[in-house]
Amino acid sequence: MTEPVRIERDGDVAVVVLDNPPLNLFDEATFAGFERAVGELVGLTDPARPDRARAVLIEARGKVVSAGVDVHEFDAIASSPDAVARGSALWRRLLAISHTLENLPVPTVFAAHGLCLTAAFEISLACDILLAAERAAFGLVEIVVGLTPSMGGPQRLAERAGPARAKELIFTGERYPAAVLAGWNVVNRVLPDDGFAEAARDYARRVAAGPTVAHAATKRLVTAAVRDGVRAADELTPSLSGALFATEDLRGAVASFLADGPGKATYTGR
């Protein structure tokens, strides 16, 4: 029996695969699988590693990305005498997955080819880029079991779409088409259904071929601006961007630009 979550390599891209048929439900094995996977990603993206991954792609197998969480997990907690403590422990554990993904020093891309509910949707919101097929749909439907999404979804939706949109999506528990969420700035790009998986791989490969250390700086600056304000990002800029002048990425790209002209710069740093 295969693990519900595994990591594959596609050149410079580390691909996290969710494969828990038939519905890719999030049960204990899947939660644990994502914990292991993100822990492994920390090592795989380490700048000191010679064969480091320069981007991460999360994708799923089957007809849907995920139909949500196996509700038996919630029932076991709610029926226990220490329900509050166990519930709080679960959310701390799952938030750590989102935090680790956000803190990776490389671009992270989530590819949603179909229905993407609850925990999977929340993981996608912890990624830098969310790609969706035309037929994809998204929802945080925790109201059906009396919960609010607690893997970081509400606050990350608010960052992308604003507080009113975040509340609407969660209050209604509706499924939203990819095109609607693209209009809300939640989905970055909607791609054709045909060839979606390979198109998402191509996107991740292009990002991985870029200046890796500069991408890490971009992530930190954007996060600081959104969460702490533009001036906080300004404070970080001199040290973060100044350090880029010592990278192989910049030196190689500048030399290539001067020798070969615009549009032909190459990045070879790690």
C-alpha atoms as a PDB file:
ATOM      1  CA  MET A   1       0.000   0.000   0.000  1.00  0.00           C
ATOM      2  CA  THR A   2       1.443   3.375  -1.018  1.00  0.00           C
ATOM      3  CA  GLU A   3       1.709   6.318   1.340  1.00  0.00           C
ATOM      4  CA  PRO A   4      -1.086   8.911   0.922  1.00  0.00           C
ATOM      5  CA  VAL A   5       1.512  11.674   0.574  1.00  0.00           C
ATOM      6  CA  ARG A   6       4.873  11.289  -1.116  1.00  0.00           C
ATOM      7  CA  ILE A   7       7.591  13.399  -2.701  1.00  0.00           C
ATOM      8  CA  GLU A   8       8.876  12.936  -6.229  1.00  0.00           C
ATOM      9  CA  ARG A   9      11.612  14.876  -8.021  1.00  0.00           C
ATOM     10  CA  ASP A  10      11.145  16.517 -11.407  1.00  0.00           C
ATOM     11  CA  GLY A  11      14.573  18.028 -12.017  1.00  0.00           C
ATOM     12  CA  ASP A  12      14.863  21.082  -9.772  1.00  0.00           C
ATOM     13  CA  VAL A  13      11.234  20.751  -8.620  1.00  0.00           C
ATOM     14  CA  ALA A  14      10.204  18.779  -5.538  1.00  0.00           C
ATOM     15  CA  VAL A  15       6.689  17.455  -6.227  1.00  0.00           C
ATOM     16  CA  VAL A  16       4.452  16.633  -3.272  1.00  0.00           C
ATOM     17  CA  VAL A  17       1.801  14.158  -4.402  1.00  0.00           C
ATOM     18  CA  LEU A  18      -1.498  13.628  -2.552  1.00  0.00           C
ATOM     19  CA  ASP A  19      -2.694  10.139  -3.456  1.00  0.00           C
ATOM     20  CA  ASN A  20      -5.295   8.740  -1.069  1.00  0.00           C
ATOM     21  CA  PRO A  21      -8.022   7.270  -3.317  1.00  0.00           C
ATOM     22  CA  PRO A  22     -10.815   7.514  -4.002  1.00  0.00           C
ATOM     23  CA  LEU A  23     -11.425  11.003  -2.593  1.00  0.00           C
ATOM     24  CA  ASN A  24      -8.051  12.039  -1.169  1.00  0.00           C
ATOM     25  CA  LEU A  25      -9.669  12.514   2.232  1.00  0.00           C
ATOM     26  CA  PHE A  26      -7.551  13.957   4.991  1.00  0.00           C
ATOM     27  CA  ASP A  27      -7.342  11.341   7.713  1.00  0.00           C
ATOM     28  CA  GLU A  28      -4.625  10.699  10.286  1.00  0.00           C
ATOM     29  CA  ALA A  29      -2.386   9.044   7.708  1.00  0.00           C
ATOM     30  CA  THR A  30      -2.732  12.004   5.339  1.00  0.00           C
ATOM     31  CA  PHE A  31      -2.087  14.582   8.046  1.00  0.00           C
ATOM     32  CA  ALA A  32       0.985  12.637   9.145  1.00  0.00           C
ATOM     33  CA  GLY A  33       2.050  12.292   5.524  1.00  0.00           C
ATOM     34  CA  PHE A  34       1.985  16.043   4.997  1.00  0.00           C
ATOM     35  CA  GLU A  35       3.896  16.563   8.232  1.00  0.00           C
ATOM     36  CA  ARG A  36       6.621  14.224   7.000  1.00  0.00           C
ATOM     37  CA  ALA A  37       6.613  15.762   3.539  1.00  0.00           C
ATOM     38  CA  VAL A  38       7.029  19.362   4.656  1.00  0.00           C
ATOM     39  CA  GLY A  39       9.744  18.269   7.066  1.00  0.00           C
ATOM     40  CA  GLU A  40      11.537  16.624   4.160  1.00  0.00           C
ATOM     41  CA  LEU A  41      11.068  19.755   2.054  1.00  0.00           C
ATOM     42  CA  VAL A  42      12.991  21.787   4.605  1.00  0.00           C
ATOM     43  CA  GLY A  43      16.009  19.601   3.913  1.00  0.00           C
ATOM     44  CA  LEU A  44      15.449  19.381   0.166  1.00  0.00           C
ATOM     45  CA  THR A  45      15.355  23.182  -0.203  1.00  0.00           C
ATOM     46  CA  ASP A  46      18.325  23.891   2.063  1.00  0.00           C
ATOM     47  CA  PRO A  47      20.649  26.317   0.231  1.00  0.00           C
ATOM     48  CA  ALA A  48      23.661  24.314   1.419  1.00  0.00           C
ATOM     49  CA  ARG A  49      22.448  21.176  -0.340  1.00  0.00           C
ATOM     50  CA  PRO A  50      24.171  20.677  -3.740  1.00  0.00           C
ATOM     51  CA  ASP A  51      21.068  19.151  -5.336  1.00  0.00           C
ATOM     52  CA  ARG A  52      18.564  21.395  -3.590  1.00  0.00           C
ATOM     53  CA  ALA A  53      15.063  21.704  -4.967  1.00  0.00           C
ATOM     54  CA  ARG A  54      14.523  25.182  -6.352  1.00  0.00           C
ATOM     55  CA  ALA A  55      10.725  25.060  -6.324  1.00  0.00           C
ATOM     56  CA  VAL A  56       7.950  22.963  -4.797  1.00  0.00           C
ATOM     57  CA  LEU A  57       4.807  21.778  -6.569  1.00  0.00           C
ATOM     58  CA  ILE A  58       1.849  20.205  -4.740  1.00  0.00           C
ATOM     59  CA  GLU A  59      -0.498  18.116  -6.881  1.00  0.00           C
ATOM     60  CA  ALA A  60      -3.045  15.335  -6.415  1.00  0.00           C
ATOM     61  CA  ARG A  61      -4.013  12.142  -8.178  1.00  0.00           C
ATOM     62  CA  GLY A  62      -7.568  11.082  -9.021  1.00  0.00           C
ATOM     63  CA  LYS A  63     -10.725  12.912 -10.045  1.00  0.00           C
ATOM     64  CA  VAL A  64     -10.626  15.403  -7.165  1.00  0.00           C
ATOM     65  CA  VAL A  65      -7.878  17.202  -5.299  1.00  0.00           C
ATOM     66  CA  SER A  66      -9.643  16.396  -2.038  1.00  0.00           C
ATOM     67  CA  ALA A  67     -13.206  15.994  -0.824  1.00  0.00           C
ATOM     68  CA  GLY A  68     -12.158  17.258   2.597  1.00  0.00           C
ATOM     69  CA  VAL A  69     -11.405  15.793   6.001  1.00  0.00           C
ATOM     70  CA  ASP A  70     -12.556  12.368   7.151  1.00  0.00           C
ATOM     71  CA  VAL A  71     -15.163  13.453   9.712  1.00  0.00           C
ATOM     72  CA  HIS A  72     -14.348  10.420  11.875  1.00  0.00           C
ATOM     73  CA  GLU A  73     -11.259  12.403  12.930  1.00  0.00           C
ATOM     74  CA  PHE A  74     -13.462  15.160  14.353  1.00  0.00           C
ATOM     75  CA  ASP A  75     -15.876  12.694  15.945  1.00  0.00           C
ATOM     76  CA  ALA A  76     -13.049  11.040  17.876  1.00  0.00           C
ATOM     77  CA  ILE A  77     -12.014  14.402  19.311  1.00  0.00           C
ATOM     78  CA  ALA A  78     -15.529  15.707  20.047  1.00  0.00           C
ATOM     79  CA  SER A  79     -16.528  12.519  21.877  1.00  0.00           C
ATOM     80  CA  SER A  80     -13.450  12.470  24.113  1.00  0.00           C
ATOM     81  CA  PRO A  81     -13.434  13.904  27.662  1.00  0.00           C
ATOM     82  CA  ASP A  82     -10.569  16.239  26.768  1.00  0.00           C
ATOM     83  CA  ALA A  83     -12.084  17.510  23.532  1.00  0.00           C
ATOM     84  CA  VAL A  84     -10.879  21.106  23.914  1.00  0.00           C
ATOM     85  CA  ALA A  85      -7.280  20.149  24.586  1.00  0.00           C
ATOM     86  CA  ARG A  86      -7.236  17.607  21.756  1.00  0.00           C
ATOM     87  CA  GLY A  87      -8.886  20.021  19.344  1.00  0.00           C
ATOM     88  CA  SER A  88      -6.400  22.759  20.140  1.00  0.00           C
ATOM     89  CA  ALA A  89      -3.519  20.321  19.738  1.00  0.00           C
ATOM     90  CA  LEU A  90      -4.818  19.280  16.311  1.00  0.00           C
ATOM     91  CA  TRP A  91      -4.961  22.855  15.059  1.00  0.00           C
ATOM     92  CA  ARG A  92      -1.484  23.667  16.372  1.00  0.00           C
ATOM     93  CA  ARG A  93      -0.188  20.585  14.598  1.00  0.00           C
ATOM     94  CA  LEU A  94      -1.877  21.412  11.295  1.00  0.00           C
ATOM     95  CA  LEU A  95      -0.975  25.097  11.389  1.00  0.00           C
ATOM     96  CA  ALA A  96       2.652  23.998  11.628  1.00  0.00           C
ATOM     97  CA  ILE A  97       2.261  22.420   8.172  1.00  0.00           C
ATOM     98  CA  SER A  98       1.071  25.728   6.721  1.00  0.00           C
ATOM     99  CA  HIS A  99       3.824  27.670   8.480  1.00  0.00           C
ATOM    100  CA  THR A 100       6.550  25.339   7.246  1.00  0.00           C
ATOM    101  CA  LEU A 101       5.304  25.636   3.665  1.00  0.00           C
ATOM    102  CA  GLU A 102       5.214  29.425   3.878  1.00  0.00           C
ATOM    103  CA  ASN A 103       8.720  29.566   5.326  1.00  0.00           C
ATOM    104  CA  LEU A 104      10.386  27.468   2.613  1.00  0.00           C
ATOM    105  CA  PRO A 105      13.102  29.524   0.858  1.00  0.00           C
ATOM    106  CA  VAL A 106      11.835  28.623  -2.625  1.00  0.00           C
ATOM    107  CA  PRO A 107       8.624  29.296  -4.573  1.00  0.00           C
ATOM    108  CA  THR A 108       5.745  26.938  -3.792  1.00  0.00           C
ATOM    109  CA  VAL A 109       3.017  26.149  -6.335  1.00  0.00           C
ATOM    110  CA  PHE A 110      -0.284  24.347  -5.737  1.00  0.00           C
ATOM    111  CA  ALA A 111      -2.014  22.717  -8.706  1.00  0.00           C
ATOM    112  CA  ALA A 112      -5.780  22.148  -8.322  1.00  0.00           C
ATOM    113  CA  HIS A 113      -7.199  20.054 -11.152  1.00  0.00           C
ATOM    114  CA  GLY A 114     -10.648  19.468  -9.626  1.00  0.00           C
ATOM    115  CA  LEU A 115     -12.699  19.844  -6.465  1.00  0.00           C
ATOM    116  CA  CYS A 116     -10.534  21.173  -3.616  1.00  0.00           C
ATOM    117  CA  LEU A 117     -12.159  21.350  -0.188  1.00  0.00           C
ATOM    118  CA  THR A 118     -11.192  22.197   3.409  1.00  0.00           C
ATOM    119  CA  ALA A 119      -7.670  21.086   4.410  1.00  0.00           C
ATOM    120  CA  ALA A 120      -6.403  20.851   0.827  1.00  0.00           C
ATOM    121  CA  PHE A 121      -7.732  24.329   0.071  1.00  0.00           C
ATOM    122  CA  GLU A 122      -6.081  25.657   3.226  1.00  0.00           C
ATOM    123  CA  ILE A 123      -2.761  24.111   2.208  1.00  0.00           C
ATOM    124  CA  SER A 124      -3.097  25.754  -1.196  1.00  0.00           C
ATOM    125  CA  LEU A 125      -3.502  29.124   0.512  1.00  0.00           C
ATOM    126  CA  ALA A 126      -0.177  28.601   2.297  1.00  0.00           C
ATOM    127  CA  CYS A 127       1.539  28.273  -1.094  1.00  0.00           C
ATOM    128  CA  ASP A 128       2.898  31.202  -3.079  1.00  0.00           C
ATOM    129  CA  ILE A 129       1.015  30.420  -6.293  1.00  0.00           C
ATOM    130  CA  LEU A 130      -2.354  28.698  -6.768  1.00  0.00           C
ATOM    131  CA  LEU A 131      -2.985  27.304 -10.250  1.00  0.00           C
ATOM    132  CA  ALA A 132      -6.428  25.916 -11.090  1.00  0.00           C
ATOM    133  CA  ALA A 133      -7.931  24.022 -13.978  1.00  0.00           C
ATOM    134  CA  GLU A 134     -11.100  25.446 -15.503  1.00  0.00           C
ATOM    135  CA  ARG A 135     -13.211  22.708 -13.892  1.00  0.00           C
ATOM    136  CA  ALA A 136     -11.680  23.189 -10.431  1.00  0.00           C
ATOM    137  CA  ALA A 137     -13.865  24.379  -7.560  1.00  0.00           C
ATOM    138  CA  PHE A 138     -12.981  25.347  -4.023  1.00  0.00           C
ATOM    139  CA  GLY A 139     -14.716  25.456  -0.681  1.00  0.00           C
ATOM    140  CA  LEU A 140     -14.217  25.777   3.040  1.00  0.00           C
ATOM    141  CA  VAL A 141     -17.297  23.847   4.091  1.00  0.00           C
ATOM    142  CA  GLU A 142     -16.554  23.311   7.773  1.00  0.00           C
ATOM    143  CA  ILE A 143     -19.914  24.844   8.763  1.00  0.00           C
ATOM    144  CA  VAL A 144     -21.536  21.482   7.978  1.00  0.00           C
ATOM    145  CA  VAL A 145     -19.847  20.056  11.087  1.00  0.00           C
ATOM    146  CA  GLY A 146     -19.992  23.221  13.178  1.00  0.00           C
ATOM    147  CA  LEU A 147     -16.369  24.257  12.687  1.00  0.00           C
ATOM    148  CA  THR A 148     -14.489  27.198  11.282  1.00  0.00           C
ATOM    149  CA  PRO A 149     -11.508  26.381   9.067  1.00  0.00           C
ATOM    150  CA  SER A 150      -8.531  26.288  11.431  1.00  0.00           C
ATOM    151  CA  MET A 151      -5.511  25.371   9.332  1.00  0.00           C
ATOM    152  CA  GLY A 152      -4.989  29.029   8.475  1.00  0.00           C
ATOM    153  CA  GLY A 153      -7.632  29.362   5.774  1.00  0.00           C
ATOM    154  CA  PRO A 154      -9.687  32.340   7.011  1.00  0.00           C
ATOM    155  CA  GLN A 155      -6.722  34.606   7.630  1.00  0.00           C
ATOM    156  CA  ARG A 156      -4.968  33.649   4.382  1.00  0.00           C
ATOM    157  CA  LEU A 157      -8.159  34.151   2.407  1.00  0.00           C
ATOM    158  CA  ALA A 158      -8.432  37.587   3.998  1.00  0.00           C
ATOM    159  CA  GLU A 159      -4.890  38.386   2.851  1.00  0.00           C
ATOM    160  CA  ARG A 160      -5.712  37.464  -0.721  1.00  0.00           C
ATOM    161  CA  ALA A 161      -9.338  38.470  -1.130  1.00  0.00           C
ATOM    162  CA  GLY A 162     -10.059  40.823   1.767  1.00  0.00           C
ATOM    163  CA  PRO A 163     -12.026  40.178   4.967  1.00  0.00           C
ATOM    164  CA  ALA A 164     -15.515  40.480   3.471  1.00  0.00           C
ATOM    165  CA  ARG A 165     -14.845  37.882   0.783  1.00  0.00           C
ATOM    166  CA  ALA A 166     -13.209  35.541   3.295  1.00  0.00           C
ATOM    167  CA  LYS A 167     -16.234  35.719   5.579  1.00  0.00           C
ATOM    168  CA  GLU A 168     -18.658  35.233   2.708  1.00  0.00           C
ATOM    169  CA  LEU A 169     -16.893  32.117   1.443  1.00  0.00           C
ATOM    170  CA  ILE A 170     -16.759  30.539   4.892  1.00  0.00           C
ATOM    171  CA  PHE A 171     -20.193  31.652   6.115  1.00  0.00           C
ATOM    172  CA  THR A 172     -21.952  30.199   3.071  1.00  0.00           C
ATOM    173  CA  GLY A 173     -19.957  26.973   2.847  1.00  0.00           C
ATOM    174  CA  GLU A 174     -20.486  27.115  -0.902  1.00  0.00           C
ATOM    175  CA  ARG A 175     -18.224  25.765  -3.616  1.00  0.00           C
ATOM    176  CA  TYR A 176     -16.690  28.496  -5.717  1.00  0.00           C
ATOM    177  CA  PRO A 177     -15.521  27.995  -9.331  1.00  0.00           C
ATOM    178  CA  ALA A 178     -11.902  28.675 -10.172  1.00  0.00           C
ATOM    179  CA  ALA A 179     -12.866  31.632 -12.355  1.00  0.00           C
ATOM    180  CA  VAL A 180     -14.693  33.328  -9.468  1.00  0.00           C
ATOM    181  CA  LEU A 181     -11.751  32.925  -7.118  1.00  0.00           C
ATOM    182  CA  ALA A 182      -9.395  34.198  -9.784  1.00  0.00           C
ATOM    183  CA  GLY A 183     -11.511  37.345  -9.826  1.00  0.00           C
ATOM    184  CA  TRP A 184     -11.114  37.529  -6.060  1.00  0.00           C
ATOM    185  CA  ASN A 185      -7.305  37.212  -6.328  1.00  0.00           C
ATOM    186  CA  VAL A 186      -7.338  33.849  -4.551  1.00  0.00           C
ATOM    187  CA  VAL A 187      -6.427  31.784  -7.620  1.00  0.00           C
ATOM    188  CA  ASN A 188      -3.432  33.112  -9.547  1.00  0.00           C
ATOM    189  CA  ARG A 189      -4.153  31.515 -12.919  1.00  0.00           C
ATOM    190  CA  VAL A 190      -6.917  29.420 -14.462  1.00  0.00           C
ATOM    191  CA  LEU A 191      -5.529  27.008 -17.051  1.00  0.00           C
ATOM    192  CA  PRO A 192      -7.333  24.766 -19.564  1.00  0.00           C
ATOM    193  CA  ASP A 193      -8.472  21.378 -18.285  1.00  0.00           C
ATOM    194  CA  ASP A 194      -6.722  19.617 -21.148  1.00  0.00           C
ATOM    195  CA  GLY A 195      -3.051  19.335 -20.356  1.00  0.00           C
ATOM    196  CA  PHE A 196      -3.433  20.988 -16.953  1.00  0.00           C
ATOM    197  CA  ALA A 197      -1.083  18.655 -15.065  1.00  0.00           C
ATOM    198  CA  GLU A 198       1.768  19.194 -17.511  1.00  0.00           C
ATOM    199  CA  ALA A 199       1.079  22.935 -17.692  1.00  0.00           C
ATOM    200  CA  ALA A 200       1.378  23.144 -13.897  1.00  0.00           C
ATOM    201  CA  ARG A 201       4.650  21.189 -14.041  1.00  0.00           C
ATOM    202  CA  ASP A 202       5.941  23.543 -16.736  1.00  0.00           C
ATOM    203  CA  TYR A 203       5.055  26.549 -14.574  1.00  0.00           C
ATOM    204  CA  ALA A 204       6.905  25.076 -11.599  1.00  0.00           C
ATOM    205  CA  ARG A 205       9.927  24.288 -13.768  1.00  0.00           C
ATOM    206  CA  ARG A 206      10.030  27.880 -15.058  1.00  0.00           C
ATOM    207  CA  VAL A 207       9.934  29.245 -11.535  1.00  0.00           C
ATOM    208  CA  ALA A 208      12.633  26.783 -10.472  1.00  0.00           C
ATOM    209  CA  ALA A 209      14.852  28.012 -13.307  1.00  0.00           C
ATOM    210  CA  GLY A 210      14.829  31.538 -11.899  1.00  0.00           C
ATOM    211  CA  PRO A 211      17.123  33.245  -9.365  1.00  0.00           C
ATOM    212  CA  THR A 212      16.418  31.101  -6.309  1.00  0.00           C
ATOM    213  CA  VAL A 213      17.948  33.350  -3.657  1.00  0.00           C
ATOM    214  CA  ALA A 214      16.199  36.396  -5.083  1.00  0.00           C
ATOM    215  CA  HIS A 215      12.891  34.510  -4.995  1.00  0.00           C
ATOM    216  CA  ALA A 216      13.458  33.826  -1.296  1.00  0.00           C
ATOM    217  CA  ALA A 217      14.033  37.530  -0.719  1.00  0.00           C
ATOM    218  CA  THR A 218      10.849  38.363  -2.632  1.00  0.00           C
ATOM    219  CA  LYS A 219       8.835  36.006  -0.436  1.00  0.00           C
ATOM    220  CA  ARG A 220      10.123  37.620   2.743  1.00  0.00           C
ATOM    221  CA  LEU A 221       9.512  41.152   1.497  1.00  0.00           C
ATOM    222  CA  VAL A 222       5.961  40.460   0.338  1.00  0.00           C
ATOM    223  CA  THR A 223       5.094  38.682   3.583  1.00  0.00           C
ATOM    224  CA  ALA A 224       6.527  41.517   5.663  1.00  0.00           C
ATOM    225  CA  ALA A 225       4.592  44.113   3.675  1.00  0.00           C
ATOM    226  CA  VAL A 226       1.273  42.277   3.973  1.00  0.00           C
ATOM    227  CA  ARG A 227       1.562  41.350   7.628  1.00  0.00           C
ATOM    228  CA  ASP A 228       3.660  44.153   9.109  1.00  0.00           C
ATOM    229  CA  GLY A 229       3.360  47.014   6.636  1.00  0.00           C
ATOM    230  CA  VAL A 230       5.343  48.449   3.737  1.00  0.00           C
ATOM    231  CA  ARG A 231       7.831  50.251   5.978  1.00  0.00           C
ATOM    232  CA  ALA A 232       8.656  46.950   7.692  1.00  0.00           C
ATOM    233  CA  ALA A 233       9.474  45.485   4.278  1.00  0.00           C
ATOM    234  CA  ASP A 234      11.568  48.573   3.503  1.00  0.00           C
ATOM    235  CA  GLU A 235      13.603  47.925   6.634  1.00  0.00           C
ATOM    236  CA  LEU A 236      14.434  44.423   5.422  1.00  0.00           C
ATOM    237  CA  THR A 237      15.245  45.408   1.841  1.00  0.00           C
ATOM    238  CA  PRO A 238      18.850  46.655   2.160  1.00  0.00           C
ATOM    239  CA  SER A 239      20.116  43.525   3.910  1.00  0.00           C
ATOM    240  CA  LEU A 240      18.080  41.043   1.871  1.00  0.00           C
ATOM    241  CA  SER A 241      18.683  42.612  -1.520  1.00  0.00           C
ATOM    242  CA  GLY A 242      22.230  43.657  -0.759  1.00  0.00           C
ATOM    243  CA  ALA A 243      23.166  40.041  -0.114  1.00  0.00           C
ATOM    244  CA  LEU A 244      22.046  39.114  -3.631  1.00  0.00           C
ATOM    245  CA  PHE A 245      25.163  40.727  -5.102  1.00  0.00           C
ATOM    246  CA  ALA A 246      27.223  37.885  -3.623  1.00  0.00           C
ATOM    247  CA  THR A 247      25.151  35.092  -5.203  1.00  0.00           C
ATOM    248  CA  GLU A 248      26.023  32.927  -8.179  1.00  0.00           C
ATOM    249  CA  ASP A 249      22.563  33.711  -9.539  1.00  0.00           C
ATOM    250  CA  LEU A 250      23.262  37.426  -9.883  1.00  0.00           C
ATOM    251  CA  ARG A 251      26.881  37.140 -10.994  1.00  0.00           C
ATOM    252  CA  GLY A 252      26.057  34.586 -13.679  1.00  0.00           C
ATOM    253  CA  ALA A 253      22.987  36.480 -14.872  1.00  0.00           C
ATOM    254  CA  VAL A 254      24.841  39.805 -15.089  1.00  0.00           C
ATOM    255  CA  ALA A 255      27.718  38.219 -16.992  1.00  0.00           C
ATOM    256  CA  SER A 256      25.272  36.512 -19.359  1.00  0.00           C
ATOM    257  CA  PHE A 257      23.319  39.726 -19.883  1.00  0.00           C
ATOM    258  CA  LEU A 258      26.440  41.670 -20.769  1.00  0.00           C
ATOM    259  CA  ALA A 259      27.810  38.938 -23.029  1.00  0.00           C
ATOM    260  CA  ASP A 260      24.612  37.744 -24.730  1.00  0.00           C
ATOM    261  CA  GLY A 261      22.153  40.598 -24.408  1.00  0.00           C
ATOM    262  CA  PRO A 262      18.659  40.969 -22.871  1.00  0.00           C
ATOM    263  CA  GLY A 263      16.440  37.923 -22.653  1.00  0.00           C
ATOM    264  CA  LYS A 264      19.293  35.471 -22.460  1.00  0.00           C
ATOM    265  CA  ALA A 265      20.412  35.768 -18.860  1.00  0.00           C
ATOM    266  CA  THR A 266      20.972  32.459 -17.095  1.00  0.00           C
ATOM    267  CA  TYR A 267      20.793  31.446 -13.461  1.00  0.00           C
ATOM    268  CA  THR A 268      23.087  28.788 -12.132  1.00  0.00           C
ATOM    269  CA  GLY A 269      23.220  29.576  -8.425  1.00  0.00           C
ATOM    270  CA  ARG A 270      21.705  27.597  -5.635  1.00  0.00           C
END
